[in-house]
Amino acid sequence: MIRSDARSKKSIRLSLMLFAAALVTMGTACSASDGQLTGPMSTTVTPSRTATSSGTFILSSVTPPVSCEDASGAVTTVNGATATLGKTGTFGIVINAQKTSTTGAVTPETYTSNGTFTQSGSTLVFKVPGVGSFAGTLSGGTLTVSNYPYCGATHTLVFTQQA
């Protein structure tokens, strides 16, 4: 058995220098600056859960126009609406309407739809829990929502994005 004090200082220095050189070589070979892959690429892609579009949109048109009559003869019409698309894939549509009774009394009403949406390119799919889903498109600051269920019919709502 060799005692540690029997080793020469020269051989210890040489061993340490070789070890340090090996570490430097390994560090340089694995550095990110050379642009070489040092391991296999992952084939799994994790989709982002955030929406690519968000903002506030103001109603510019409704087709067909909303004018529905209930059993009492009161007529509901739409005054305006706002759609909000959240960055996390949530949305809200708030419709401002008024109900005019047969006596001429006007009652303001607000209808709200909240839910989630997914987006693929310019196509959006809106989902409202307990109600169902409807489609839309977003292009150049114009949000078009097709087949929106309101007042006993479906409508196409066109919104313009606010700055």
N, C-alpha and C. Protein backbone atom coordinates (compact mmCIF):
# COMPACT_ATOMS: atom_id res chain seq x y z
N MET A 1 0.84 -1.16 0.00
CA MET A 1 0.00 0.00 0.00
C MET A 1 0.89 1.24 0.00
N ILE A 2 0.50 2.23 -0.82
CA ILE A 2 1.29 3.45 -0.91
C ILE A 2 0.66 4.48 0.00
N ARG A 3 1.51 5.09 0.77
CA ARG A 3 1.03 6.13 1.66
C ARG A 3 0.88 7.42 0.89
N SER A 4 -0.07 8.26 1.29
CA SER A 4 -0.31 9.51 0.58
C SER A 4 0.86 10.46 0.66
N ASP A 5 1.64 10.39 1.73
CA ASP A 5 2.77 11.29 1.82
C ASP A 5 3.93 10.83 0.96
N ALA A 6 3.84 9.58 0.44
CA ALA A 6 4.89 9.05 -0.40
C ALA A 6 4.75 9.51 -1.84
N ARG A 7 3.58 10.01 -2.26
CA ARG A 7 3.40 10.49 -3.62
C ARG A 7 4.21 11.75 -3.83
N SER A 8 4.68 11.88 -5.04
CA SER A 8 5.46 13.08 -5.30
C SER A 8 4.53 14.25 -5.60
N LYS A 9 5.00 15.43 -5.28
CA LYS A 9 4.22 16.63 -5.56
C LYS A 9 4.05 16.81 -7.05
N LYS A 10 5.03 16.36 -7.82
CA LYS A 10 4.98 16.48 -9.27
C LYS A 10 3.84 15.64 -9.84
N SER A 11 3.64 14.44 -9.37
CA SER A 11 2.58 13.57 -9.91
C SER A 11 1.19 14.08 -9.50
N ILE A 12 1.08 14.69 -8.33
CA ILE A 12 -0.21 15.25 -7.90
C ILE A 12 -0.56 16.44 -8.77
N ARG A 13 0.42 17.32 -9.06
CA ARG A 13 0.17 18.47 -9.92
C ARG A 13 -0.22 18.02 -11.32
N LEU A 14 0.46 17.01 -11.82
CA LEU A 14 0.17 16.50 -13.15
C LEU A 14 -1.25 15.94 -13.20
N SER A 15 -1.67 15.22 -12.19
CA SER A 15 -3.02 14.66 -12.13
C SER A 15 -4.07 15.76 -12.09
N LEU A 16 -3.82 16.79 -11.29
CA LEU A 16 -4.76 17.90 -11.20
C LEU A 16 -4.84 18.66 -12.51
N MET A 17 -3.71 18.85 -13.19
CA MET A 17 -3.71 19.55 -14.47
C MET A 17 -4.48 18.75 -15.52
N LEU A 18 -4.30 17.45 -15.55
CA LEU A 18 -5.03 16.60 -16.50
C LEU A 18 -6.54 16.62 -16.21
N PHE A 19 -6.89 16.59 -14.94
CA PHE A 19 -8.30 16.66 -14.55
C PHE A 19 -8.92 18.00 -14.97
N ALA A 20 -8.20 19.10 -14.74
CA ALA A 20 -8.69 20.43 -15.12
C ALA A 20 -8.83 20.53 -16.64
N ALA A 21 -7.87 20.00 -17.37
CA ALA A 21 -7.93 20.03 -18.84
C ALA A 21 -9.14 19.24 -19.35
N ALA A 22 -9.41 18.12 -18.70
CA ALA A 22 -10.57 17.31 -19.10
C ALA A 22 -11.86 18.06 -18.85
N LEU A 23 -11.95 18.76 -17.72
CA LEU A 23 -13.15 19.55 -17.42
C LEU A 23 -13.35 20.67 -18.44
N VAL A 24 -12.27 21.37 -18.79
CA VAL A 24 -12.37 22.45 -19.77
C VAL A 24 -12.81 21.90 -21.12
N THR A 25 -12.25 20.78 -21.53
CA THR A 25 -12.61 20.17 -22.80
C THR A 25 -14.07 19.76 -22.81
N MET A 26 -14.55 19.16 -21.73
CA MET A 26 -15.96 18.75 -21.65
C MET A 26 -16.87 19.97 -21.67
N GLY A 27 -16.52 21.01 -20.96
CA GLY A 27 -17.33 22.23 -20.92
C GLY A 27 -17.41 22.89 -22.28
N THR A 28 -16.30 22.92 -23.01
CA THR A 28 -16.29 23.52 -24.34
C THR A 28 -17.09 22.67 -25.31
N ALA A 29 -17.00 21.36 -25.23
CA ALA A 29 -17.73 20.48 -26.13
C ALA A 29 -19.23 20.57 -25.92
N CYS A 30 -19.66 20.90 -24.73
CA CYS A 30 -21.09 20.95 -24.42
C CYS A 30 -21.65 22.36 -24.41
N SER A 31 -20.86 23.34 -24.83
CA SER A 31 -21.37 24.70 -24.76
C SER A 31 -22.44 24.95 -25.81
N ALA A 32 -23.37 25.87 -25.52
CA ALA A 32 -24.46 26.19 -26.43
C ALA A 32 -23.99 27.04 -27.59
N SER A 33 -22.81 27.62 -27.49
CA SER A 33 -22.36 28.54 -28.53
C SER A 33 -22.00 27.84 -29.83
N ASP A 34 -21.73 26.54 -29.80
CA ASP A 34 -21.35 25.88 -31.04
C ASP A 34 -22.54 25.45 -31.88
N GLY A 35 -23.74 25.55 -31.34
CA GLY A 35 -24.96 25.27 -32.11
C GLY A 35 -25.19 23.79 -32.38
N GLN A 36 -24.38 22.92 -31.82
CA GLN A 36 -24.55 21.50 -32.03
C GLN A 36 -25.47 20.92 -30.96
N LEU A 37 -26.30 19.97 -31.37
CA LEU A 37 -27.16 19.30 -30.40
C LEU A 37 -26.34 18.33 -29.60
N THR A 38 -26.55 18.29 -28.30
CA THR A 38 -25.83 17.36 -27.45
C THR A 38 -26.73 16.26 -26.93
N GLY A 39 -28.00 16.27 -27.33
CA GLY A 39 -28.93 15.25 -26.90
C GLY A 39 -30.06 15.15 -27.90
N PRO A 40 -30.90 14.15 -27.78
CA PRO A 40 -32.00 14.00 -28.74
C PRO A 40 -33.02 15.12 -28.60
N MET A 41 -33.60 15.52 -29.73
CA MET A 41 -34.65 16.52 -29.70
C MET A 41 -35.95 15.87 -29.25
N SER A 42 -36.74 16.61 -28.52
CA SER A 42 -38.04 16.12 -28.09
C SER A 42 -39.01 16.19 -29.27
N THR A 43 -39.81 15.16 -29.44
CA THR A 43 -40.82 15.17 -30.50
C THR A 43 -42.18 15.56 -29.96
N THR A 44 -42.25 15.82 -28.67
CA THR A 44 -43.52 16.21 -28.06
C THR A 44 -43.63 17.72 -28.05
N VAL A 45 -44.73 18.23 -28.56
CA VAL A 45 -44.98 19.66 -28.55
C VAL A 45 -46.12 19.93 -27.59
N THR A 46 -45.89 20.82 -26.65
CA THR A 46 -46.93 21.18 -25.70
C THR A 46 -47.64 22.41 -26.21
N PRO A 47 -48.95 22.31 -26.56
CA PRO A 47 -49.65 23.48 -27.08
C PRO A 47 -49.84 24.55 -26.02
N SER A 48 -49.81 25.78 -26.46
CA SER A 48 -50.06 26.89 -25.56
C SER A 48 -51.54 26.93 -25.22
N ARG A 49 -51.87 27.23 -23.98
CA ARG A 49 -53.26 27.30 -23.57
C ARG A 49 -53.78 28.72 -23.66
N THR A 50 -52.94 29.64 -24.11
CA THR A 50 -53.40 31.01 -24.22
C THR A 50 -53.86 31.31 -25.63
N ALA A 51 -54.76 32.20 -25.72
CA ALA A 51 -55.27 32.60 -27.01
C ALA A 51 -54.29 33.51 -27.69
N THR A 52 -54.37 33.53 -29.02
CA THR A 52 -53.46 34.40 -29.75
C THR A 52 -54.03 35.79 -29.94
N SER A 53 -55.29 35.97 -29.71
CA SER A 53 -55.91 37.28 -29.89
C SER A 53 -56.69 37.64 -28.64
N SER A 54 -56.66 38.92 -28.32
CA SER A 54 -57.42 39.39 -27.17
C SER A 54 -57.76 40.85 -27.39
N GLY A 55 -58.71 41.33 -26.62
CA GLY A 55 -59.08 42.74 -26.71
C GLY A 55 -60.57 42.94 -26.55
N THR A 56 -60.97 44.19 -26.73
CA THR A 56 -62.38 44.58 -26.61
C THR A 56 -62.90 44.99 -27.98
N PHE A 57 -64.10 44.53 -28.29
CA PHE A 57 -64.72 44.76 -29.59
C PHE A 57 -66.11 45.35 -29.38
N ILE A 58 -66.48 46.32 -30.21
CA ILE A 58 -67.78 46.99 -30.12
C ILE A 58 -68.64 46.57 -31.30
N LEU A 59 -69.91 46.28 -31.03
CA LEU A 59 -70.84 45.83 -32.08
C LEU A 59 -71.01 46.90 -33.15
N SER A 60 -70.88 46.48 -34.42
CA SER A 60 -71.12 47.41 -35.52
C SER A 60 -72.34 47.01 -36.35
N SER A 61 -72.72 45.71 -36.33
CA SER A 61 -73.95 45.31 -37.02
C SER A 61 -74.45 43.96 -36.52
N VAL A 62 -75.75 43.74 -36.73
CA VAL A 62 -76.42 42.47 -36.39
C VAL A 62 -77.27 42.07 -37.58
N THR A 63 -77.12 40.81 -38.02
CA THR A 63 -77.92 40.30 -39.13
C THR A 63 -78.53 38.96 -38.71
N PRO A 64 -79.81 38.73 -38.84
CA PRO A 64 -80.86 39.72 -39.08
C PRO A 64 -81.01 40.62 -37.85
N PRO A 65 -81.57 41.81 -38.05
CA PRO A 65 -81.76 42.71 -36.90
C PRO A 65 -82.59 42.04 -35.80
N VAL A 66 -82.26 42.37 -34.56
CA VAL A 66 -82.99 41.79 -33.43
C VAL A 66 -84.21 42.65 -33.16
N SER A 67 -85.36 42.02 -33.30
CA SER A 67 -86.63 42.63 -32.95
C SER A 67 -87.60 41.50 -32.73
N CYS A 68 -87.68 41.08 -31.47
CA CYS A 68 -88.56 39.94 -31.18
C CYS A 68 -89.64 40.35 -30.19
N GLU A 69 -90.75 39.69 -30.32
CA GLU A 69 -91.92 40.00 -29.49
C GLU A 69 -92.20 38.83 -28.57
N ASP A 70 -92.44 39.14 -27.29
CA ASP A 70 -92.78 38.07 -26.36
C ASP A 70 -94.31 37.90 -26.29
N ALA A 71 -94.75 37.00 -25.43
CA ALA A 71 -96.18 36.67 -25.33
C ALA A 71 -97.05 37.85 -24.93
N SER A 72 -96.46 38.81 -24.19
CA SER A 72 -97.24 39.97 -23.74
C SER A 72 -97.31 41.07 -24.81
N GLY A 73 -96.56 40.88 -25.91
CA GLY A 73 -96.54 41.89 -26.96
C GLY A 73 -95.38 42.85 -26.84
N ALA A 74 -94.55 42.72 -25.79
CA ALA A 74 -93.38 43.59 -25.63
C ALA A 74 -92.33 43.21 -26.68
N VAL A 75 -91.67 44.24 -27.23
CA VAL A 75 -90.68 44.03 -28.29
C VAL A 75 -89.28 44.33 -27.74
N THR A 76 -88.36 43.39 -27.95
CA THR A 76 -86.97 43.56 -27.55
C THR A 76 -86.14 43.96 -28.76
N THR A 77 -85.34 45.00 -28.61
CA THR A 77 -84.40 45.43 -29.65
C THR A 77 -83.02 45.61 -29.03
N VAL A 78 -81.98 45.49 -29.85
CA VAL A 78 -80.61 45.62 -29.37
C VAL A 78 -80.11 47.03 -29.60
N ASN A 79 -79.51 47.62 -28.56
CA ASN A 79 -78.92 48.96 -28.64
C ASN A 79 -77.43 48.91 -28.94
N GLY A 80 -76.77 47.85 -28.54
CA GLY A 80 -75.32 47.72 -28.72
C GLY A 80 -74.82 46.48 -28.02
N ALA A 81 -73.55 46.21 -28.19
CA ALA A 81 -72.94 45.04 -27.54
C ALA A 81 -71.43 45.22 -27.49
N THR A 82 -70.84 44.50 -26.57
CA THR A 82 -69.39 44.48 -26.42
C THR A 82 -68.94 43.04 -26.31
N ALA A 83 -67.88 42.70 -27.01
CA ALA A 83 -67.26 41.37 -26.88
C ALA A 83 -65.85 41.58 -26.35
N THR A 84 -65.48 40.75 -25.39
CA THR A 84 -64.14 40.81 -24.82
C THR A 84 -63.49 39.44 -24.96
N LEU A 85 -62.33 39.40 -25.59
CA LEU A 85 -61.56 38.16 -25.71
C LEU A 85 -60.38 38.27 -24.76
N GLY A 86 -60.29 37.33 -23.82
CA GLY A 86 -59.20 37.34 -22.86
C GLY A 86 -57.98 36.60 -23.37
N LYS A 87 -56.82 36.94 -22.85
CA LYS A 87 -55.57 36.30 -23.27
C LYS A 87 -55.51 34.83 -22.90
N THR A 88 -56.31 34.41 -21.95
CA THR A 88 -56.27 33.02 -21.50
C THR A 88 -57.35 32.16 -22.15
N GLY A 89 -57.99 32.67 -23.20
CA GLY A 89 -59.01 31.88 -23.90
C GLY A 89 -60.40 32.01 -23.32
N THR A 90 -60.64 33.04 -22.55
CA THR A 90 -61.98 33.30 -22.02
C THR A 90 -62.61 34.42 -22.83
N PHE A 91 -63.93 34.47 -22.83
CA PHE A 91 -64.61 35.55 -23.54
C PHE A 91 -65.87 35.95 -22.80
N GLY A 92 -66.34 37.13 -23.13
CA GLY A 92 -67.61 37.62 -22.62
C GLY A 92 -68.28 38.45 -23.70
N ILE A 93 -69.55 38.24 -23.92
CA ILE A 93 -70.34 39.08 -24.83
C ILE A 93 -71.46 39.67 -24.01
N VAL A 94 -71.54 41.00 -24.01
CA VAL A 94 -72.58 41.70 -23.26
C VAL A 94 -73.44 42.44 -24.28
N ILE A 95 -74.72 42.08 -24.31
CA ILE A 95 -75.67 42.72 -25.24
C ILE A 95 -76.55 43.68 -24.44
N ASN A 96 -76.59 44.91 -24.89
CA ASN A 96 -77.46 45.92 -24.29
C ASN A 96 -78.71 46.02 -25.16
N ALA A 97 -79.85 45.79 -24.54
CA ALA A 97 -81.11 45.78 -25.27
C ALA A 97 -82.14 46.62 -24.51
N GLN A 98 -83.25 46.78 -25.15
CA GLN A 98 -84.38 47.42 -24.45
C GLN A 98 -85.65 46.68 -24.82
N LYS A 99 -86.52 46.59 -23.84
CA LYS A 99 -87.82 45.95 -24.04
C LYS A 99 -88.88 47.06 -23.97
N THR A 100 -89.65 47.17 -25.03
CA THR A 100 -90.71 48.18 -25.09
C THR A 100 -92.06 47.47 -24.97
N SER A 101 -92.79 47.83 -23.93
CA SER A 101 -94.09 47.18 -23.70
C SER A 101 -95.14 47.75 -24.65
N THR A 102 -96.31 47.14 -24.65
CA THR A 102 -97.40 47.62 -25.51
C THR A 102 -97.89 49.00 -25.09
N THR A 103 -97.59 49.40 -23.86
CA THR A 103 -97.98 50.74 -23.38
C THR A 103 -96.90 51.78 -23.68
N GLY A 104 -95.76 51.32 -24.23
CA GLY A 104 -94.68 52.24 -24.55
C GLY A 104 -93.61 52.36 -23.48
N ALA A 105 -93.77 51.66 -22.37
CA ALA A 105 -92.75 51.68 -21.31
C ALA A 105 -91.50 50.96 -21.80
N VAL A 106 -90.36 51.61 -21.61
CA VAL A 106 -89.08 51.05 -22.06
C VAL A 106 -88.28 50.57 -20.84
N THR A 107 -87.83 49.33 -20.91
CA THR A 107 -87.04 48.74 -19.85
C THR A 107 -85.69 48.31 -20.43
N PRO A 108 -84.58 48.86 -19.92
CA PRO A 108 -83.27 48.41 -20.40
C PRO A 108 -82.97 47.00 -19.89
N GLU A 109 -82.32 46.21 -20.72
CA GLU A 109 -81.95 44.85 -20.34
C GLU A 109 -80.52 44.57 -20.81
N THR A 110 -79.86 43.72 -20.07
CA THR A 110 -78.50 43.31 -20.42
C THR A 110 -78.45 41.79 -20.44
N TYR A 111 -77.90 41.23 -21.51
CA TYR A 111 -77.73 39.79 -21.64
C TYR A 111 -76.24 39.51 -21.76
N THR A 112 -75.76 38.56 -20.99
CA THR A 112 -74.34 38.26 -20.97
C THR A 112 -74.10 36.79 -21.29
N SER A 113 -73.11 36.54 -22.15
CA SER A 113 -72.63 35.18 -22.44
C SER A 113 -71.16 35.14 -22.06
N ASN A 114 -70.81 34.21 -21.19
CA ASN A 114 -69.41 34.03 -20.80
C ASN A 114 -69.01 32.59 -21.06
N GLY A 115 -67.76 32.40 -21.44
CA GLY A 115 -67.28 31.05 -21.67
C GLY A 115 -65.83 31.06 -22.09
N THR A 116 -65.48 30.06 -22.87
CA THR A 116 -64.12 29.93 -23.37
C THR A 116 -64.13 29.91 -24.88
N PHE A 117 -62.98 30.19 -25.45
CA PHE A 117 -62.85 30.06 -26.90
C PHE A 117 -61.50 29.48 -27.25
N THR A 118 -61.48 28.83 -28.41
CA THR A 118 -60.23 28.34 -28.97
C THR A 118 -60.05 29.01 -30.32
N GLN A 119 -58.81 29.11 -30.74
CA GLN A 119 -58.53 29.79 -32.00
C GLN A 119 -57.56 28.98 -32.82
N SER A 120 -57.86 28.86 -34.11
CA SER A 120 -56.97 28.23 -35.07
C SER A 120 -56.92 29.16 -36.27
N GLY A 121 -55.82 29.89 -36.40
CA GLY A 121 -55.73 30.89 -37.46
C GLY A 121 -56.74 32.00 -37.19
N SER A 122 -57.59 32.28 -38.17
CA SER A 122 -58.60 33.33 -37.99
C SER A 122 -59.93 32.78 -37.49
N THR A 123 -60.02 31.46 -37.31
CA THR A 123 -61.27 30.82 -36.89
C THR A 123 -61.31 30.66 -35.37
N LEU A 124 -62.44 31.05 -34.78
CA LEU A 124 -62.64 30.90 -33.34
C LEU A 124 -63.86 30.03 -33.09
N VAL A 125 -63.82 29.25 -32.02
CA VAL A 125 -64.97 28.47 -31.58
C VAL A 125 -65.24 28.88 -30.13
N PHE A 126 -66.43 29.41 -29.90
CA PHE A 126 -66.85 29.88 -28.58
C PHE A 126 -67.70 28.80 -27.93
N LYS A 127 -67.45 28.54 -26.65
CA LYS A 127 -68.22 27.55 -25.90
C LYS A 127 -68.80 28.20 -24.65
N VAL A 128 -70.12 28.07 -24.50
CA VAL A 128 -70.81 28.60 -23.33
C VAL A 128 -71.36 27.41 -22.55
N PRO A 129 -70.93 27.22 -21.31
CA PRO A 129 -71.42 26.09 -20.52
C PRO A 129 -72.95 26.08 -20.42
N GLY A 130 -73.52 24.94 -20.69
CA GLY A 130 -74.96 24.77 -20.60
C GLY A 130 -75.75 25.33 -21.77
N VAL A 131 -75.09 25.99 -22.71
CA VAL A 131 -75.77 26.59 -23.86
C VAL A 131 -75.33 25.92 -25.15
N GLY A 132 -74.02 25.74 -25.32
CA GLY A 132 -73.49 25.15 -26.54
C GLY A 132 -72.36 25.97 -27.10
N SER A 133 -72.16 25.85 -28.40
CA SER A 133 -71.05 26.56 -29.02
C SER A 133 -71.50 27.26 -30.30
N PHE A 134 -70.71 28.24 -30.70
CA PHE A 134 -70.93 28.95 -31.95
C PHE A 134 -69.57 29.38 -32.47
N ALA A 135 -69.51 29.68 -33.76
CA ALA A 135 -68.24 29.96 -34.41
C ALA A 135 -68.06 31.45 -34.67
N GLY A 136 -66.83 31.81 -34.97
CA GLY A 136 -66.52 33.18 -35.33
C GLY A 136 -65.23 33.25 -36.11
N THR A 137 -64.96 34.43 -36.64
CA THR A 137 -63.69 34.69 -37.31
C THR A 137 -63.15 36.03 -36.81
N LEU A 138 -61.83 36.15 -36.85
CA LEU A 138 -61.19 37.39 -36.46
C LEU A 138 -60.18 37.73 -37.54
N SER A 139 -60.40 38.85 -38.20
CA SER A 139 -59.52 39.26 -39.28
C SER A 139 -59.44 40.78 -39.35
N GLY A 140 -58.23 41.30 -39.30
CA GLY A 140 -58.02 42.73 -39.43
C GLY A 140 -58.79 43.58 -38.45
N GLY A 141 -58.94 43.14 -37.21
CA GLY A 141 -59.65 43.92 -36.20
C GLY A 141 -61.16 43.78 -36.26
N THR A 142 -61.66 42.90 -37.14
CA THR A 142 -63.11 42.66 -37.22
C THR A 142 -63.40 41.26 -36.69
N LEU A 143 -64.24 41.19 -35.68
CA LEU A 143 -64.68 39.92 -35.10
C LEU A 143 -66.09 39.66 -35.59
N THR A 144 -66.29 38.55 -36.29
CA THR A 144 -67.61 38.16 -36.78
C THR A 144 -68.01 36.88 -36.05
N VAL A 145 -69.15 36.95 -35.35
CA VAL A 145 -69.66 35.80 -34.60
C VAL A 145 -70.91 35.31 -35.31
N SER A 146 -70.84 34.09 -35.82
CA SER A 146 -71.95 33.51 -36.57
C SER A 146 -72.84 32.66 -35.67
N ASN A 147 -74.10 32.58 -36.01
CA ASN A 147 -75.06 31.71 -35.32
C ASN A 147 -75.15 31.97 -33.82
N TYR A 148 -75.09 33.23 -33.44
CA TYR A 148 -75.22 33.58 -32.03
C TYR A 148 -76.69 33.49 -31.64
N PRO A 149 -77.01 32.64 -30.65
CA PRO A 149 -78.41 32.46 -30.26
C PRO A 149 -78.90 33.61 -29.38
N TYR A 150 -79.92 34.32 -29.86
CA TYR A 150 -80.46 35.43 -29.08
C TYR A 150 -81.89 35.70 -29.50
N CYS A 151 -82.75 35.81 -28.55
CA CYS A 151 -84.14 36.23 -28.77
C CYS A 151 -84.88 35.27 -29.71
N GLY A 152 -84.66 33.97 -29.50
CA GLY A 152 -85.39 32.97 -30.27
C GLY A 152 -84.88 32.72 -31.67
N ALA A 153 -83.76 33.30 -32.06
CA ALA A 153 -83.19 33.09 -33.39
C ALA A 153 -81.67 33.13 -33.28
N THR A 154 -81.00 32.83 -34.38
CA THR A 154 -79.55 32.99 -34.41
C THR A 154 -79.21 34.20 -35.28
N HIS A 155 -78.15 34.88 -34.90
CA HIS A 155 -77.77 36.12 -35.57
C HIS A 155 -76.28 36.10 -35.86
N THR A 156 -75.87 36.92 -36.81
CA THR A 156 -74.46 37.17 -37.06
C THR A 156 -74.13 38.54 -36.49
N LEU A 157 -73.21 38.55 -35.53
CA LEU A 157 -72.80 39.79 -34.89
C LEU A 157 -71.43 40.18 -35.45
N VAL A 158 -71.29 41.44 -35.85
CA VAL A 158 -70.01 41.93 -36.35
C VAL A 158 -69.52 43.01 -35.39
N PHE A 159 -68.29 42.81 -34.88
CA PHE A 159 -67.68 43.71 -33.91
C PHE A 159 -66.42 44.33 -34.51
N THR A 160 -66.09 45.54 -34.06
CA THR A 160 -64.86 46.19 -34.46
C THR A 160 -63.98 46.36 -33.22
N GLN A 161 -62.70 45.99 -33.37
CA GLN A 161 -61.79 46.06 -32.23
C GLN A 161 -61.50 47.51 -31.84
N GLN A 162 -61.48 47.74 -30.54
CA GLN A 162 -61.18 49.07 -30.00
C GLN A 162 -59.69 49.18 -29.75
N ALA A 163 -59.15 50.35 -29.96
CA ALA A 163 -57.69 50.56 -29.77
C ALA A 163 -57.31 50.53 -28.33
